[in-house]
Amino acid sequence: MSWVSGTQADLQALLNVTADSLAGYCGLTGDQQENPVFLERQLGLLQRNPSQNTINSEFCAKYLPAVVDAYNAQDTAFSVPMRMLNVIAYLPYFARFISTAQTSICKIQARRMATASSTPADPTYLVEMCQFLSTLLALQDTNSVSEEDKQALLPKLREWNRKYQRQQITRCLKQLEGDPETTVMANILKLHCEKSLNECGFNGCEKSGTSKLLQCARCKTAVYCNRDHQKKSWSSHKATCFPAVF
């Protein structure tokens, strides 16, 4: 369906971006199959949506285990589940989930990119792949990638970097090369993604130490040093607080 074809109901459904619609186009709900075209259009709309963070948080809370299962079930470096995971990888829901995952998504993505026999025809997809791996390298460390995969992937990254000169590719390359400045930036990203899991969420309070902090029982992605700080933070926290299924 193009933007001007299909039924009015189809068009309205496409324009109405929700956590459930994203899950549907990822093939995670009912009998609905993956729809890469519709997902791409909704993700484009989502980037301009002021409620982007809220929608992504709800998606994580409801569908993160399912989309990771879908990702694991496929064997390609670029896929619909990978694309959705890249969109939500900055959220504390994702950071909490992968911290307890039995398998390293970083290791899987690096292996798929290293062993892929072809490169996506659209450079945008290549950039998304590298952006996703870059985030995973920050969250799960470069040591999660085997030396064999690293040596197979580095020449590809260097070639892509020369050809496209995109910062996501450059950053991914420098992370695997162990560039000191990029490593510092990756550590800062990791701290940012995990901040709400380890630091009191009350504005101005920076107490940390998960063993001493109270976890939000609903979303499990925010912690507080006491009940008073939790109550006072609710007005800012509620927009991204959803009951997590994991």
Protein backbone atom coordinates (compact mmCIF):
# COMPACT_ATOMS: atom_id res chain seq x y z
CA MET A 1 0.00 0.00 0.00
CA SER A 2 1.29 3.50 -0.81
CA TRP A 3 0.46 6.60 1.18
CA VAL A 4 -2.49 7.29 -1.12
CA SER A 5 -3.79 3.80 -1.79
CA GLY A 6 -5.65 1.25 0.28
CA THR A 7 -8.73 1.84 2.38
CA GLN A 8 -9.19 4.86 4.61
CA ALA A 9 -9.11 2.52 7.60
CA ASP A 10 -5.75 1.11 6.46
CA LEU A 11 -4.33 4.60 6.12
CA GLN A 12 -5.59 5.69 9.53
CA ALA A 13 -4.13 2.56 11.11
CA LEU A 14 -0.79 3.26 9.49
CA LEU A 15 -0.75 6.86 10.69
CA ASN A 16 -1.69 5.90 14.26
CA VAL A 17 1.61 4.75 15.75
CA THR A 18 1.22 2.80 18.99
CA ALA A 19 3.17 0.13 20.82
CA ASP A 20 0.63 -2.42 19.62
CA SER A 21 0.79 -1.31 15.98
CA LEU A 22 4.58 -1.58 16.01
CA ALA A 23 4.30 -5.05 17.50
CA GLY A 24 1.80 -6.00 14.81
CA TYR A 25 4.07 -4.91 11.98
CA CYS A 26 6.91 -6.81 13.67
CA GLY A 27 4.75 -9.92 13.48
CA LEU A 28 4.46 -10.29 17.25
CA THR A 29 0.68 -10.23 17.66
CA GLY A 30 -1.97 -12.73 16.63
CA ASP A 31 -1.68 -14.11 13.12
CA GLN A 32 -0.24 -10.91 11.69
CA GLN A 33 2.91 -11.38 9.63
CA GLU A 34 5.93 -9.10 9.56
CA ASN A 35 5.41 -6.05 7.39
CA PRO A 36 8.78 -4.32 6.84
CA VAL A 37 7.31 -1.58 4.64
CA PHE A 38 4.62 -0.53 7.11
CA LEU A 39 7.05 -0.80 10.02
CA GLU A 40 9.49 1.51 8.24
CA ARG A 41 6.76 4.07 7.68
CA GLN A 42 5.61 3.94 11.28
CA LEU A 43 9.18 4.29 12.54
CA GLY A 44 9.53 7.37 10.34
CA LEU A 45 6.38 8.84 11.85
CA LEU A 46 7.56 7.89 15.33
CA GLN A 47 10.74 9.96 14.97
CA ARG A 48 8.58 13.08 14.67
CA ASN A 49 6.15 12.07 17.42
CA PRO A 50 6.53 13.98 20.72
CA SER A 51 5.35 10.81 22.48
CA GLN A 52 8.14 8.71 20.97
CA ASN A 53 9.73 7.87 24.31
CA THR A 54 6.40 6.87 25.82
CA ILE A 55 5.45 4.62 22.87
CA ASN A 56 8.87 2.96 22.82
CA SER A 57 8.74 2.38 26.57
CA GLU A 58 5.33 0.75 26.34
CA PHE A 59 6.57 -1.44 23.49
CA CYS A 60 9.51 -2.56 25.61
CA ALA A 61 7.39 -3.32 28.65
CA LYS A 62 4.92 -5.41 26.65
CA TYR A 63 6.92 -6.92 23.79
CA LEU A 64 10.66 -6.87 24.47
CA PRO A 65 11.00 -10.62 25.24
CA ALA A 66 8.91 -11.45 22.17
CA VAL A 67 10.93 -9.26 19.79
CA VAL A 68 14.19 -10.68 21.17
CA ASP A 69 12.85 -14.21 20.59
CA ALA A 70 11.97 -13.19 17.01
CA TYR A 71 15.45 -11.74 16.58
CA ASN A 72 17.09 -14.92 17.86
CA ALA A 73 14.93 -17.05 15.57
CA GLN A 74 16.31 -15.34 12.46
CA ASP A 75 19.85 -15.62 11.14
CA THR A 76 20.34 -12.45 9.13
CA ALA A 77 22.31 -9.37 10.17
CA PHE A 78 19.44 -7.05 9.18
CA SER A 79 15.86 -8.02 9.97
CA VAL A 80 12.59 -6.56 11.18
CA PRO A 81 13.27 -7.57 14.82
CA MET A 82 16.81 -6.12 14.60
CA ARG A 83 15.43 -2.86 13.29
CA MET A 84 12.96 -2.58 16.16
CA LEU A 85 15.58 -3.49 18.75
CA ASN A 86 17.84 -0.76 17.39
CA VAL A 87 15.06 1.78 17.94
CA ILE A 88 14.60 0.84 21.61
CA ALA A 89 18.18 -0.08 22.55
CA TYR A 90 18.72 3.25 24.37
CA LEU A 91 15.96 2.60 26.90
CA PRO A 92 16.50 1.28 30.46
CA TYR A 93 14.03 -1.53 29.71
CA PHE A 94 16.48 -2.87 27.13
CA ALA A 95 19.50 -2.38 29.40
CA ARG A 96 17.79 -4.29 32.21
CA PHE A 97 16.68 -7.08 29.90
CA ILE A 98 20.08 -7.77 28.33
CA SER A 99 21.81 -7.61 31.72
CA THR A 100 19.99 -10.83 32.66
CA ALA A 101 19.81 -12.47 29.22
CA GLN A 102 21.36 -15.90 28.95
CA THR A 103 22.88 -15.18 25.55
CA SER A 104 24.76 -12.11 24.34
CA ILE A 105 22.85 -10.23 21.67
CA CYS A 106 26.08 -8.38 20.93
CA LYS A 107 27.86 -11.65 20.17
CA ILE A 108 25.00 -12.76 17.92
CA GLN A 109 24.82 -9.49 15.95
CA ALA A 110 28.59 -9.36 15.48
CA ARG A 111 28.65 -12.96 14.25
CA ARG A 112 25.83 -12.31 11.78
CA MET A 113 27.50 -9.21 10.40
CA ALA A 114 30.90 -10.93 10.21
CA THR A 115 29.60 -13.96 8.36
CA ALA A 116 27.03 -12.27 6.10
CA SER A 117 27.65 -13.08 2.46
CA SER A 118 26.14 -9.83 1.23
CA THR A 119 25.59 -6.23 2.30
CA PRO A 120 22.16 -4.53 2.37
CA ALA A 121 21.57 -2.67 -0.87
CA ASP A 122 20.22 0.34 1.01
CA PRO A 123 23.01 2.12 2.96
CA THR A 124 20.42 3.18 5.53
CA TYR A 125 20.00 -0.43 6.59
CA LEU A 126 23.77 -0.84 6.88
CA VAL A 127 23.95 2.23 9.10
CA GLU A 128 21.18 0.83 11.33
CA MET A 129 23.05 -2.48 11.65
CA CYS A 130 26.21 -0.68 12.71
CA GLN A 131 24.33 1.61 15.09
CA PHE A 132 22.73 -1.39 16.76
CA LEU A 133 26.03 -3.22 17.13
CA SER A 134 27.68 -0.05 18.43
CA THR A 135 25.06 0.26 21.18
CA LEU A 136 25.41 -3.42 22.04
CA LEU A 137 29.20 -3.08 22.22
CA ALA A 138 28.73 -0.25 24.72
CA LEU A 139 26.24 -2.18 26.83
CA GLN A 140 27.76 -5.67 26.65
CA ASP A 141 31.44 -4.83 25.98
CA THR A 142 33.67 -5.60 23.02
CA ASN A 143 34.95 -8.69 24.81
CA SER A 144 31.63 -10.38 24.08
CA VAL A 145 32.71 -10.56 20.42
CA SER A 146 34.97 -13.48 19.57
CA GLU A 147 38.38 -12.71 18.11
CA GLU A 148 37.45 -14.68 14.99
CA ASP A 149 34.34 -12.58 14.37
CA LYS A 150 36.20 -9.37 15.17
CA GLN A 151 38.90 -10.10 12.60
CA ALA A 152 36.28 -10.99 9.99
CA LEU A 153 34.20 -7.90 10.70
CA LEU A 154 36.92 -5.25 10.89
CA PRO A 155 37.77 -5.31 7.13
CA LYS A 156 34.07 -4.97 6.31
CA LEU A 157 33.67 -2.02 8.63
CA ARG A 158 36.72 -0.32 7.18
CA GLU A 159 35.37 -0.76 3.67
CA TRP A 160 31.92 0.53 4.64
CA ASN A 161 33.52 3.44 6.47
CA ARG A 162 35.52 4.46 3.41
CA LYS A 163 32.52 4.10 1.13
CA TYR A 164 29.77 5.75 3.19
CA GLN A 165 31.59 7.86 5.82
CA ARG A 166 28.75 7.65 8.34
CA GLN A 167 29.40 8.26 12.02
CA GLN A 168 27.56 5.11 13.12
CA ILE A 169 29.91 2.97 11.04
CA THR A 170 32.97 4.90 12.19
CA ARG A 171 31.97 4.57 15.84
CA CYS A 172 31.39 0.83 15.52
CA LEU A 173 34.75 0.40 13.81
CA LYS A 174 36.64 2.39 16.43
CA GLN A 175 34.97 0.46 19.26
CA LEU A 176 36.18 -2.85 17.84
CA GLU A 177 39.62 -1.36 17.20
CA GLY A 178 39.79 -0.31 20.86
CA ASP A 179 40.14 3.40 20.20
CA PRO A 180 40.57 5.04 23.66
CA GLU A 181 38.40 8.09 23.00
CA THR A 182 35.59 6.01 21.52
CA THR A 183 35.82 3.61 24.47
CA VAL A 184 35.28 6.51 26.86
CA MET A 185 32.26 7.65 24.85
CA ALA A 186 30.87 4.10 24.89
CA ASN A 187 31.23 3.95 28.67
CA ILE A 188 29.35 7.26 28.96
CA LEU A 189 26.57 5.84 26.79
CA LYS A 190 26.37 2.75 28.99
CA LEU A 191 26.11 4.88 32.12
CA HIS A 192 23.36 6.96 30.49
CA CYS A 193 21.34 3.90 29.43
CA GLU A 194 21.65 2.31 32.87
CA LYS A 195 21.34 5.48 34.95
CA SER A 196 17.70 5.02 35.97
CA LEU A 197 18.48 1.42 37.02
CA ASN A 198 21.24 2.43 39.40
CA GLU A 199 20.59 6.00 40.56
CA CYS A 200 17.71 7.55 42.50
CA GLY A 201 15.25 9.00 40.01
CA PHE A 202 14.39 12.06 42.10
CA ASN A 203 15.68 15.19 40.39
CA GLY A 204 18.75 16.43 42.24
CA CYS A 205 19.34 13.21 44.18
CA GLU A 206 22.24 11.19 42.86
CA LYS A 207 22.35 8.39 45.40
CA SER A 208 23.33 5.11 43.80
CA GLY A 209 23.83 1.48 44.77
CA THR A 210 21.09 -0.91 43.69
CA SER A 211 21.12 -2.89 46.95
CA LYS A 212 20.03 0.20 48.88
CA LEU A 213 17.48 1.59 46.43
CA LEU A 214 13.78 0.86 46.03
CA GLN A 215 12.79 -0.41 42.59
CA CYS A 216 9.60 0.71 40.88
CA ALA A 217 7.49 -2.43 41.13
CA ARG A 218 5.57 -1.58 37.96
CA CYS A 219 8.24 -1.01 35.30
CA LYS A 220 11.37 -2.13 37.20
CA THR A 221 13.39 0.50 35.34
CA ALA A 222 13.53 3.21 38.00
CA VAL A 223 14.92 3.20 41.54
CA TYR A 224 14.61 5.57 44.49
CA CYS A 225 16.37 6.02 47.81
CA ASN A 226 13.07 6.37 49.69
CA ARG A 227 9.29 6.43 49.21
CA ASP A 228 9.12 10.21 49.41
CA HIS A 229 11.44 10.61 46.44
CA GLN A 230 9.47 8.00 44.54
CA LYS A 231 6.16 9.83 45.10
CA LYS A 232 7.62 13.20 44.16
CA SER A 233 9.07 11.72 40.95
CA TRP A 234 5.84 10.13 39.75
CA SER A 235 4.72 13.10 37.64
CA SER A 236 7.85 12.84 35.47
CA HIS A 237 8.21 9.05 35.62
CA LYS A 238 4.64 8.03 34.78
CA ALA A 239 4.94 8.76 31.04
CA THR A 240 7.41 5.89 30.60
CA CYS A 241 6.23 3.59 33.39
CA PHE A 242 4.43 0.49 32.12
CA PRO A 243 3.95 -2.97 33.69
CA ALA A 244 6.90 -5.01 32.42
CA VAL A 245 6.28 -8.61 31.38
CA PHE A 246 9.82 -9.58 32.29
